[in-house]
Amino acid sequence: MANKSVFLISLLMMAFILPGCPYNSDTPLSPPEKAGIDASLLGTWVMKKSPDPVNSCRILQFNEHELLIIVQSRDEQDLYRAFTTTINGVKFLNVRKIVDTSTDAAHWLFLRYTTVGDELRYRYVEDTLPERDKLSSKTYIDLIKRNPKNPELYDAESDGVLVRTKDQLLPIHK
């Protein structure tokens, strides 16, 4: 569970410890080739609570359906593949770390998000529903699709807020 929290912290530079576990899926909520680009996500983002440009998240358009997310911290840089899915008006990011598949397994994480102006608010789908271990990925995804507004699907304490930086060309630190 700690590794999952560290992964999500790295993903969106959270400044606090996550109490729950993000749900990891072998399959995304929808096929990437059906996704469109949400232009409101594009840009460089920092945590609202601690807007240090050394810890940034760049979201770039990768192709006509997918995004590339570059998460930069003081000591490392991680790359993620992402695309959007909208279910009954609720927007989700399907996010998967780009890894060496010969040595690492990559799973999809789902984040419910909204953008308003230069703010990106998100909450991840968690893995703590009762009897979750008895549900297949397909069944769990079907549950999300039938109930995208159900607050029990999300970790209430994982609320995060990023703000878009004015300088879209922050340096990549190595």
N, C-alpha and C. Protein backbone atom coordinates (compact mmCIF):
# COMPACT_ATOMS: atom_id res chain seq x y z
N MET A 1 0.82 -1.19 0.00
CA MET A 1 0.00 0.00 0.00
C MET A 1 0.87 1.25 0.00
N ALA A 2 2.00 1.23 0.69
CA ALA A 2 2.88 2.39 0.74
C ALA A 2 3.41 2.71 -0.65
N ASN A 3 3.78 1.67 -1.44
CA ASN A 3 4.28 1.91 -2.79
C ASN A 3 3.24 2.59 -3.66
N LYS A 4 1.97 2.22 -3.50
CA LYS A 4 0.91 2.84 -4.28
C LYS A 4 0.80 4.31 -3.90
N SER A 5 0.91 4.64 -2.63
CA SER A 5 0.82 6.03 -2.19
C SER A 5 2.00 6.83 -2.72
N VAL A 6 3.21 6.25 -2.68
CA VAL A 6 4.39 6.94 -3.19
C VAL A 6 4.23 7.18 -4.68
N PHE A 7 3.69 6.21 -5.41
CA PHE A 7 3.46 6.36 -6.85
C PHE A 7 2.53 7.52 -7.12
N LEU A 8 1.45 7.62 -6.39
CA LEU A 8 0.49 8.70 -6.63
C LEU A 8 1.06 10.04 -6.20
N ILE A 9 1.83 10.06 -5.12
CA ILE A 9 2.48 11.30 -4.70
C ILE A 9 3.39 11.78 -5.81
N SER A 10 4.18 10.88 -6.38
CA SER A 10 5.06 11.24 -7.48
C SER A 10 4.26 11.76 -8.66
N LEU A 11 3.13 11.13 -8.93
CA LEU A 11 2.31 11.51 -10.07
C LEU A 11 1.87 12.95 -10.01
N LEU A 12 1.35 13.39 -8.90
CA LEU A 12 0.80 14.74 -8.82
C LEU A 12 1.40 15.56 -7.69
N MET A 13 2.59 15.24 -7.25
CA MET A 13 3.35 16.01 -6.27
C MET A 13 2.54 16.35 -5.03
N MET A 14 1.85 15.38 -4.50
CA MET A 14 1.04 15.65 -3.32
C MET A 14 1.93 16.01 -2.14
N ALA A 15 1.48 16.97 -1.38
CA ALA A 15 2.26 17.47 -0.25
C ALA A 15 1.81 16.84 1.05
N PHE A 16 1.03 15.78 0.97
CA PHE A 16 0.53 15.13 2.18
C PHE A 16 0.50 13.62 1.95
N ILE A 17 0.42 12.85 3.01
CA ILE A 17 0.38 11.39 2.91
C ILE A 17 -1.04 10.95 2.64
N LEU A 18 -1.19 10.06 1.67
CA LEU A 18 -2.51 9.58 1.32
C LEU A 18 -2.96 8.49 2.28
N PRO A 19 -4.17 8.59 2.81
CA PRO A 19 -4.62 7.59 3.76
C PRO A 19 -5.11 6.30 3.12
N GLY A 20 -5.61 6.35 1.90
CA GLY A 20 -6.18 5.17 1.25
C GLY A 20 -5.23 4.60 0.22
N CYS A 21 -5.77 3.70 -0.58
CA CYS A 21 -5.01 3.07 -1.65
C CYS A 21 -5.69 3.36 -2.97
N PRO A 22 -4.97 3.86 -3.96
CA PRO A 22 -5.60 4.05 -5.25
C PRO A 22 -5.91 2.70 -5.89
N TYR A 23 -6.99 2.65 -6.63
CA TYR A 23 -7.35 1.44 -7.33
C TYR A 23 -6.41 1.25 -8.52
N ASN A 24 -5.84 0.07 -8.67
CA ASN A 24 -4.98 -0.28 -9.80
C ASN A 24 -5.71 -1.25 -10.70
N SER A 25 -5.76 -0.94 -11.98
CA SER A 25 -6.48 -1.79 -12.92
C SER A 25 -5.56 -2.23 -14.05
N ASP A 26 -5.81 -3.41 -14.56
CA ASP A 26 -5.09 -3.88 -15.73
C ASP A 26 -5.63 -3.24 -17.01
N THR A 27 -6.84 -2.69 -16.93
CA THR A 27 -7.46 -2.09 -18.11
C THR A 27 -7.94 -0.68 -17.78
N PRO A 28 -7.95 0.22 -18.77
CA PRO A 28 -8.46 1.57 -18.53
C PRO A 28 -9.98 1.59 -18.53
N LEU A 29 -10.55 2.75 -18.19
CA LEU A 29 -12.00 2.90 -18.18
C LEU A 29 -12.61 2.85 -19.58
N SER A 30 -11.84 3.24 -20.57
CA SER A 30 -12.30 3.22 -21.96
C SER A 30 -11.08 3.05 -22.85
N PRO A 31 -11.28 2.71 -24.12
CA PRO A 31 -10.13 2.59 -25.02
C PRO A 31 -9.52 3.96 -25.31
N PRO A 32 -8.20 4.08 -25.31
CA PRO A 32 -7.55 5.36 -25.57
C PRO A 32 -7.93 5.95 -26.93
N GLU A 33 -8.13 5.11 -27.91
CA GLU A 33 -8.42 5.62 -29.26
C GLU A 33 -9.78 6.32 -29.37
N LYS A 34 -10.61 6.21 -28.32
CA LYS A 34 -11.89 6.91 -28.31
C LYS A 34 -11.82 8.23 -27.54
N ALA A 35 -10.67 8.52 -26.95
CA ALA A 35 -10.52 9.71 -26.12
C ALA A 35 -10.25 10.95 -26.97
N GLY A 36 -10.68 12.07 -26.45
CA GLY A 36 -10.34 13.36 -27.04
C GLY A 36 -9.39 14.07 -26.10
N ILE A 37 -8.78 15.12 -26.58
CA ILE A 37 -7.86 15.90 -25.75
C ILE A 37 -8.64 17.00 -25.04
N ASP A 38 -8.52 17.05 -23.72
CA ASP A 38 -9.10 18.13 -22.93
C ASP A 38 -8.03 19.21 -22.82
N ALA A 39 -8.15 20.24 -23.64
CA ALA A 39 -7.14 21.30 -23.70
C ALA A 39 -6.95 22.01 -22.36
N SER A 40 -7.96 21.95 -21.48
CA SER A 40 -7.83 22.62 -20.19
C SER A 40 -6.77 21.96 -19.30
N LEU A 41 -6.35 20.74 -19.64
CA LEU A 41 -5.32 20.05 -18.86
C LEU A 41 -3.91 20.43 -19.27
N LEU A 42 -3.75 20.94 -20.48
CA LEU A 42 -2.42 21.19 -21.03
C LEU A 42 -1.73 22.34 -20.30
N GLY A 43 -0.45 22.15 -20.03
CA GLY A 43 0.34 23.19 -19.38
C GLY A 43 1.22 22.63 -18.29
N THR A 44 1.81 23.54 -17.55
CA THR A 44 2.67 23.18 -16.42
C THR A 44 1.94 23.53 -15.14
N TRP A 45 1.92 22.58 -14.22
CA TRP A 45 1.15 22.71 -12.98
C TRP A 45 2.05 22.53 -11.77
N VAL A 46 1.68 23.22 -10.68
CA VAL A 46 2.37 23.06 -9.40
C VAL A 46 1.30 22.92 -8.32
N MET A 47 1.69 22.39 -7.16
CA MET A 47 0.75 22.26 -6.05
C MET A 47 0.33 23.64 -5.57
N LYS A 48 -0.95 23.82 -5.33
CA LYS A 48 -1.44 25.12 -4.87
C LYS A 48 -0.89 25.45 -3.49
N LYS A 49 -0.79 24.44 -2.62
CA LYS A 49 -0.32 24.68 -1.24
C LYS A 49 1.16 25.03 -1.18
N SER A 50 1.95 24.52 -2.11
CA SER A 50 3.39 24.79 -2.09
C SER A 50 3.88 24.90 -3.53
N PRO A 51 3.68 26.05 -4.17
CA PRO A 51 3.97 26.20 -5.59
C PRO A 51 5.45 26.33 -5.93
N ASP A 52 6.23 25.31 -5.65
CA ASP A 52 7.65 25.28 -5.94
C ASP A 52 7.86 24.80 -7.38
N PRO A 53 8.42 25.63 -8.26
CA PRO A 53 8.58 25.22 -9.66
C PRO A 53 9.53 24.04 -9.85
N VAL A 54 10.34 23.72 -8.84
CA VAL A 54 11.20 22.54 -8.94
C VAL A 54 10.35 21.27 -8.97
N ASN A 55 9.20 21.31 -8.29
CA ASN A 55 8.26 20.19 -8.30
C ASN A 55 7.10 20.57 -9.20
N SER A 56 7.15 20.11 -10.43
CA SER A 56 6.13 20.51 -11.39
C SER A 56 5.58 19.30 -12.14
N CYS A 57 4.48 19.52 -12.78
CA CYS A 57 3.81 18.50 -13.56
C CYS A 57 3.46 19.13 -14.90
N ARG A 58 4.05 18.66 -15.97
CA ARG A 58 3.75 19.16 -17.30
C ARG A 58 2.80 18.18 -17.98
N ILE A 59 1.75 18.70 -18.55
CA ILE A 59 0.83 17.86 -19.30
C ILE A 59 0.85 18.35 -20.74
N LEU A 60 1.28 17.46 -21.62
CA LEU A 60 1.45 17.78 -23.03
C LEU A 60 0.58 16.86 -23.88
N GLN A 61 0.17 17.34 -25.04
CA GLN A 61 -0.54 16.46 -25.96
C GLN A 61 0.48 15.55 -26.62
N PHE A 62 0.25 14.24 -26.53
CA PHE A 62 1.16 13.26 -27.11
C PHE A 62 0.75 12.91 -28.54
N ASN A 63 -0.54 12.65 -28.73
CA ASN A 63 -1.09 12.40 -30.06
C ASN A 63 -2.54 12.88 -30.04
N GLU A 64 -3.35 12.50 -30.98
CA GLU A 64 -4.71 13.04 -31.03
C GLU A 64 -5.62 12.50 -29.93
N HIS A 65 -5.16 11.48 -29.20
CA HIS A 65 -6.00 10.89 -28.15
C HIS A 65 -5.37 10.90 -26.76
N GLU A 66 -4.05 11.00 -26.69
CA GLU A 66 -3.36 10.78 -25.42
C GLU A 66 -2.52 11.98 -25.00
N LEU A 67 -2.26 11.99 -23.70
CA LEU A 67 -1.43 13.01 -23.06
C LEU A 67 -0.14 12.38 -22.56
N LEU A 68 0.89 13.17 -22.47
CA LEU A 68 2.13 12.78 -21.82
C LEU A 68 2.23 13.65 -20.58
N ILE A 69 2.41 13.03 -19.43
CA ILE A 69 2.57 13.77 -18.18
C ILE A 69 4.01 13.58 -17.72
N ILE A 70 4.70 14.70 -17.52
CA ILE A 70 6.08 14.68 -17.04
C ILE A 70 6.07 15.25 -15.63
N VAL A 71 6.38 14.42 -14.67
CA VAL A 71 6.41 14.86 -13.28
C VAL A 71 7.87 15.05 -12.88
N GLN A 72 8.16 16.27 -12.50
CA GLN A 72 9.53 16.64 -12.16
C GLN A 72 9.61 16.97 -10.67
N SER A 73 10.52 16.30 -9.99
CA SER A 73 10.81 16.67 -8.61
C SER A 73 12.28 17.06 -8.57
N ARG A 74 12.73 17.43 -7.41
CA ARG A 74 14.12 17.86 -7.28
C ARG A 74 15.10 16.77 -7.73
N ASP A 75 14.77 15.50 -7.44
CA ASP A 75 15.71 14.41 -7.68
C ASP A 75 15.37 13.48 -8.84
N GLU A 76 14.14 13.51 -9.33
CA GLU A 76 13.80 12.60 -10.41
C GLU A 76 12.74 13.15 -11.34
N GLN A 77 12.61 12.44 -12.43
CA GLN A 77 11.60 12.78 -13.42
C GLN A 77 10.89 11.49 -13.81
N ASP A 78 9.56 11.50 -13.80
CA ASP A 78 8.78 10.33 -14.18
C ASP A 78 7.86 10.69 -15.33
N LEU A 79 7.63 9.71 -16.20
CA LEU A 79 6.77 9.91 -17.36
C LEU A 79 5.53 9.04 -17.23
N TYR A 80 4.38 9.62 -17.63
CA TYR A 80 3.11 8.92 -17.56
C TYR A 80 2.35 9.10 -18.86
N ARG A 81 1.63 8.08 -19.21
CA ARG A 81 0.70 8.11 -20.34
C ARG A 81 -0.68 8.35 -19.73
N ALA A 82 -1.50 9.18 -20.36
CA ALA A 82 -2.82 9.45 -19.81
C ALA A 82 -3.79 9.79 -20.93
N PHE A 83 -5.06 9.58 -20.65
CA PHE A 83 -6.11 10.03 -21.55
C PHE A 83 -7.39 10.18 -20.75
N THR A 84 -8.33 10.91 -21.33
CA THR A 84 -9.56 11.23 -20.61
C THR A 84 -10.69 10.27 -20.96
N THR A 85 -11.57 10.10 -20.01
CA THR A 85 -12.83 9.37 -20.19
C THR A 85 -13.89 10.19 -19.49
N THR A 86 -15.01 10.42 -20.15
CA THR A 86 -16.13 11.13 -19.52
C THR A 86 -17.29 10.15 -19.38
N ILE A 87 -17.79 10.02 -18.15
CA ILE A 87 -18.90 9.11 -17.84
C ILE A 87 -20.01 9.93 -17.20
N ASN A 88 -21.13 10.04 -17.88
CA ASN A 88 -22.27 10.81 -17.37
C ASN A 88 -21.85 12.20 -16.90
N GLY A 89 -21.01 12.87 -17.68
CA GLY A 89 -20.59 14.22 -17.36
C GLY A 89 -19.44 14.32 -16.36
N VAL A 90 -18.99 13.19 -15.83
CA VAL A 90 -17.88 13.17 -14.87
C VAL A 90 -16.60 12.85 -15.64
N LYS A 91 -15.57 13.70 -15.47
CA LYS A 91 -14.31 13.52 -16.19
C LYS A 91 -13.32 12.72 -15.36
N PHE A 92 -12.67 11.79 -16.04
CA PHE A 92 -11.64 10.96 -15.42
C PHE A 92 -10.37 11.03 -16.25
N LEU A 93 -9.24 10.93 -15.57
CA LEU A 93 -7.96 10.68 -16.22
C LEU A 93 -7.60 9.23 -15.98
N ASN A 94 -7.31 8.51 -17.05
CA ASN A 94 -6.73 7.17 -16.97
C ASN A 94 -5.23 7.40 -17.04
N VAL A 95 -4.48 7.01 -16.01
CA VAL A 95 -3.06 7.34 -15.92
C VAL A 95 -2.26 6.06 -15.72
N ARG A 96 -1.18 5.95 -16.50
CA ARG A 96 -0.32 4.77 -16.40
C ARG A 96 1.13 5.21 -16.52
N LYS A 97 1.95 4.78 -15.58
CA LYS A 97 3.37 5.13 -15.62
C LYS A 97 4.02 4.42 -16.79
N ILE A 98 4.90 5.14 -17.47
CA ILE A 98 5.66 4.55 -18.56
C ILE A 98 6.86 3.86 -17.93
N VAL A 99 6.88 2.54 -18.04
CA VAL A 99 7.92 1.73 -17.38
C VAL A 99 8.53 0.76 -18.38
N ASP A 100 9.62 0.19 -17.97
CA ASP A 100 10.23 -0.90 -18.73
C ASP A 100 9.41 -2.15 -18.42
N THR A 101 8.60 -2.60 -19.36
CA THR A 101 7.68 -3.71 -19.10
C THR A 101 8.40 -5.04 -18.88
N SER A 102 9.66 -5.11 -19.21
CA SER A 102 10.37 -6.37 -18.94
C SER A 102 10.73 -6.51 -17.46
N THR A 103 10.75 -5.37 -16.74
CA THR A 103 11.11 -5.44 -15.33
C THR A 103 10.03 -4.90 -14.39
N ASP A 104 9.11 -4.11 -14.91
CA ASP A 104 8.10 -3.48 -14.06
C ASP A 104 6.70 -3.73 -14.62
N ALA A 105 5.75 -3.79 -13.73
CA ALA A 105 4.35 -3.88 -14.14
C ALA A 105 3.75 -2.48 -14.07
N ALA A 106 2.93 -2.15 -15.03
CA ALA A 106 2.25 -0.86 -15.02
C ALA A 106 0.76 -1.09 -14.95
N HIS A 107 0.12 -0.36 -14.08
CA HIS A 107 -1.33 -0.46 -13.92
C HIS A 107 -1.94 0.91 -14.16
N TRP A 108 -3.21 0.91 -14.47
CA TRP A 108 -3.95 2.15 -14.67
C TRP A 108 -4.48 2.65 -13.34
N LEU A 109 -4.35 3.93 -13.11
CA LEU A 109 -4.98 4.61 -11.99
C LEU A 109 -6.04 5.54 -12.58
N PHE A 110 -7.10 5.78 -11.84
CA PHE A 110 -8.18 6.64 -12.32
C PHE A 110 -8.32 7.82 -11.37
N LEU A 111 -8.31 9.02 -11.94
CA LEU A 111 -8.51 10.22 -11.16
C LEU A 111 -9.71 10.98 -11.71
N ARG A 112 -10.65 11.28 -10.85
CA ARG A 112 -11.76 12.15 -11.22
C ARG A 112 -11.22 13.57 -11.15
N TYR A 113 -11.52 14.38 -12.16
CA TYR A 113 -10.95 15.74 -12.15
C TYR A 113 -11.92 16.76 -12.70
N THR A 114 -11.65 18.01 -12.34
CA THR A 114 -12.32 19.16 -12.92
C THR A 114 -11.28 20.26 -13.09
N THR A 115 -11.49 21.08 -14.08
CA THR A 115 -10.63 22.26 -14.25
C THR A 115 -11.53 23.49 -14.27
N VAL A 116 -11.08 24.50 -13.55
CA VAL A 116 -11.76 25.80 -13.55
C VAL A 116 -10.67 26.84 -13.66
N GLY A 117 -10.63 27.51 -14.81
CA GLY A 117 -9.58 28.49 -15.03
C GLY A 117 -8.22 27.83 -14.95
N ASP A 118 -7.39 28.33 -14.04
CA ASP A 118 -6.04 27.80 -13.88
C ASP A 118 -5.92 26.85 -12.70
N GLU A 119 -7.01 26.23 -12.29
CA GLU A 119 -6.98 25.23 -11.22
C GLU A 119 -7.41 23.87 -11.74
N LEU A 120 -6.69 22.87 -11.32
CA LEU A 120 -7.01 21.48 -11.63
C LEU A 120 -7.25 20.77 -10.30
N ARG A 121 -8.50 20.35 -10.08
CA ARG A 121 -8.86 19.64 -8.85
C ARG A 121 -9.03 18.17 -9.18
N TYR A 122 -8.54 17.30 -8.30
CA TYR A 122 -8.63 15.87 -8.56
C TYR A 122 -8.83 15.08 -7.29
N ARG A 123 -9.32 13.87 -7.48
CA ARG A 123 -9.49 12.91 -6.40
C ARG A 123 -9.36 11.53 -7.05
N TYR A 124 -8.60 10.64 -6.45
CA TYR A 124 -8.41 9.35 -7.10
C TYR A 124 -9.47 8.33 -6.67
N VAL A 125 -9.73 7.39 -7.59
CA VAL A 125 -10.61 6.27 -7.30
C VAL A 125 -9.83 5.34 -6.39
N GLU A 126 -10.44 5.00 -5.26
CA GLU A 126 -9.70 4.19 -4.28
C GLU A 126 -10.11 2.73 -4.33
N ASP A 127 -9.35 1.94 -3.63
CA ASP A 127 -9.48 0.48 -3.65
C ASP A 127 -9.96 -0.05 -2.30
N THR A 128 -10.90 0.64 -1.67
CA THR A 128 -11.28 0.24 -0.32
C THR A 128 -12.76 -0.09 -0.17
N LEU A 129 -13.45 -0.33 -1.26
CA LEU A 129 -14.84 -0.74 -1.14
C LEU A 129 -14.92 -2.10 -0.45
N PRO A 130 -15.95 -2.33 0.35
CA PRO A 130 -16.10 -3.65 0.96
C PRO A 130 -16.15 -4.73 -0.13
N GLU A 131 -15.53 -5.85 0.13
CA GLU A 131 -15.53 -6.98 -0.80
C GLU A 131 -14.78 -6.67 -2.10
N ARG A 132 -13.97 -5.62 -2.14
CA ARG A 132 -13.26 -5.25 -3.37
C ARG A 132 -12.40 -6.39 -3.89
N ASP A 133 -11.76 -7.12 -3.00
CA ASP A 133 -10.87 -8.19 -3.42
C ASP A 133 -11.60 -9.33 -4.14
N LYS A 134 -12.92 -9.35 -4.04
CA LYS A 134 -13.70 -10.39 -4.72
C LYS A 134 -14.22 -9.93 -6.08
N LEU A 135 -13.93 -8.67 -6.46
CA LEU A 135 -14.41 -8.12 -7.73
C LEU A 135 -13.31 -8.18 -8.78
N SER A 136 -13.66 -8.55 -9.99
CA SER A 136 -12.71 -8.51 -11.10
C SER A 136 -12.53 -7.05 -11.53
N SER A 137 -11.49 -6.78 -12.32
CA SER A 137 -11.28 -5.43 -12.84
C SER A 137 -12.48 -4.99 -13.66
N LYS A 138 -13.01 -5.88 -14.49
CA LYS A 138 -14.16 -5.53 -15.32
C LYS A 138 -15.37 -5.16 -14.46
N THR A 139 -15.62 -5.93 -13.41
CA THR A 139 -16.75 -5.65 -12.52
C THR A 139 -16.56 -4.31 -11.81
N TYR A 140 -15.34 -4.03 -11.36
CA TYR A 140 -15.07 -2.77 -10.66
C TYR A 140 -15.22 -1.59 -11.61
N ILE A 141 -14.73 -1.73 -12.83
CA ILE A 141 -14.87 -0.66 -13.82
C ILE A 141 -16.35 -0.45 -14.16
N ASP A 142 -17.10 -1.54 -14.28
CA ASP A 142 -18.55 -1.41 -14.51
C ASP A 142 -19.22 -0.66 -13.37
N LEU A 143 -18.78 -0.92 -12.14
CA LEU A 143 -19.32 -0.22 -10.97
C LEU A 143 -19.02 1.28 -11.06
N ILE A 144 -17.83 1.64 -11.46
CA ILE A 144 -17.46 3.04 -11.63
C ILE A 144 -18.33 3.68 -12.72
N LYS A 145 -18.50 2.98 -13.82
CA LYS A 145 -19.28 3.52 -14.94
C LYS A 145 -20.76 3.71 -14.57
N ARG A 146 -21.29 2.84 -13.73
CA ARG A 146 -22.70 2.97 -13.32
C ARG A 146 -22.89 4.04 -12.25
N ASN A 147 -21.83 4.33 -11.49
CA ASN A 147 -21.94 5.22 -10.33
C ASN A 147 -20.81 6.24 -10.27
N PRO A 148 -20.54 7.01 -11.33
CA PRO A 148 -19.36 7.88 -11.30
C PRO A 148 -19.42 8.98 -10.24
N LYS A 149 -20.61 9.28 -9.73
CA LYS A 149 -20.74 10.35 -8.72
C LYS A 149 -20.81 9.80 -7.30
N ASN A 150 -20.72 8.49 -7.14
CA ASN A 150 -20.79 7.86 -5.82
C ASN A 150 -19.56 8.23 -4.99
N PRO A 151 -19.73 8.96 -3.89
CA PRO A 151 -18.57 9.39 -3.10
C PRO A 151 -17.80 8.24 -2.47
N GLU A 152 -18.40 7.08 -2.35
CA GLU A 152 -17.70 5.93 -1.76
C GLU A 152 -16.60 5.40 -2.67
N LEU A 153 -16.60 5.79 -3.93
CA LEU A 153 -15.57 5.35 -4.87
C LEU A 153 -14.27 6.13 -4.71
N TYR A 154 -14.31 7.27 -4.03
CA TYR A 154 -13.18 8.17 -4.00
C TYR A 154 -12.68 8.36 -2.58
N ASP A 155 -11.39 8.57 -2.47
CA ASP A 155 -10.80 8.87 -1.18
C ASP A 155 -10.99 10.36 -0.91
N ALA A 156 -11.85 10.67 0.04
CA ALA A 156 -12.17 12.07 0.35
C ALA A 156 -10.95 12.85 0.80
N GLU A 157 -9.96 12.17 1.33
CA GLU A 157 -8.78 12.87 1.82
C GLU A 157 -7.69 13.00 0.76
N SER A 158 -7.98 12.54 -0.46
CA SER A 158 -6.97 12.65 -1.52
C SER A 158 -7.21 13.87 -2.40
N ASP A 159 -8.14 14.73 -1.99
CA ASP A 159 -8.40 15.94 -2.79
C ASP A 159 -7.10 16.69 -3.01
N GLY A 160 -6.85 17.02 -4.26
CA GLY A 160 -5.67 17.79 -4.58
C GLY A 160 -6.02 18.94 -5.48
N VAL A 161 -5.25 20.00 -5.39
CA VAL A 161 -5.46 21.15 -6.24
C VAL A 161 -4.10 21.57 -6.81
N LEU A 162 -4.04 21.62 -8.12
CA LEU A 162 -2.86 22.12 -8.81
C LEU A 162 -3.22 23.45 -9.45
N VAL A 163 -2.23 24.32 -9.62
CA VAL A 163 -2.45 25.59 -10.32
C VAL A 163 -1.49 25.65 -11.50
N ARG A 164 -2.02 26.19 -12.59
CA ARG A 164 -1.20 26.34 -13.80
C ARG A 164 -0.21 27.48 -13.57
N THR A 165 1.02 27.25 -13.96
CA THR A 165 2.02 28.30 -13.83
C THR A 165 1.93 29.23 -15.03
N LYS A 166 2.33 30.45 -14.82
CA LYS A 166 2.34 31.42 -15.92
C LYS A 166 3.49 31.12 -16.87
N ASP A 167 4.61 30.66 -16.31
CA ASP A 167 5.77 30.30 -17.13
C ASP A 167 5.61 28.85 -17.56
N GLN A 168 5.18 28.63 -18.78
CA GLN A 168 4.95 27.28 -19.28
C GLN A 168 6.24 26.55 -19.64
N LEU A 169 7.39 27.23 -19.58
CA LEU A 169 8.64 26.62 -20.00
C LEU A 169 9.61 26.47 -18.83
N LEU A 170 9.12 25.92 -17.74
CA LEU A 170 10.00 25.67 -16.60
C LEU A 170 11.05 24.65 -17.02
N PRO A 171 12.28 24.80 -16.53
CA PRO A 171 13.33 23.89 -16.93
C PRO A 171 13.12 22.48 -16.38
N ILE A 172 13.58 21.51 -17.14
CA ILE A 172 13.60 20.12 -16.67
C ILE A 172 14.92 19.95 -15.91
N HIS A 173 14.80 19.53 -14.65
CA HIS A 173 15.99 19.33 -13.82
C HIS A 173 16.43 17.90 -13.89
N LYS A 174 17.73 17.69 -13.98
CA LYS A 174 18.27 16.32 -14.05
C LYS A 174 18.99 15.97 -12.80
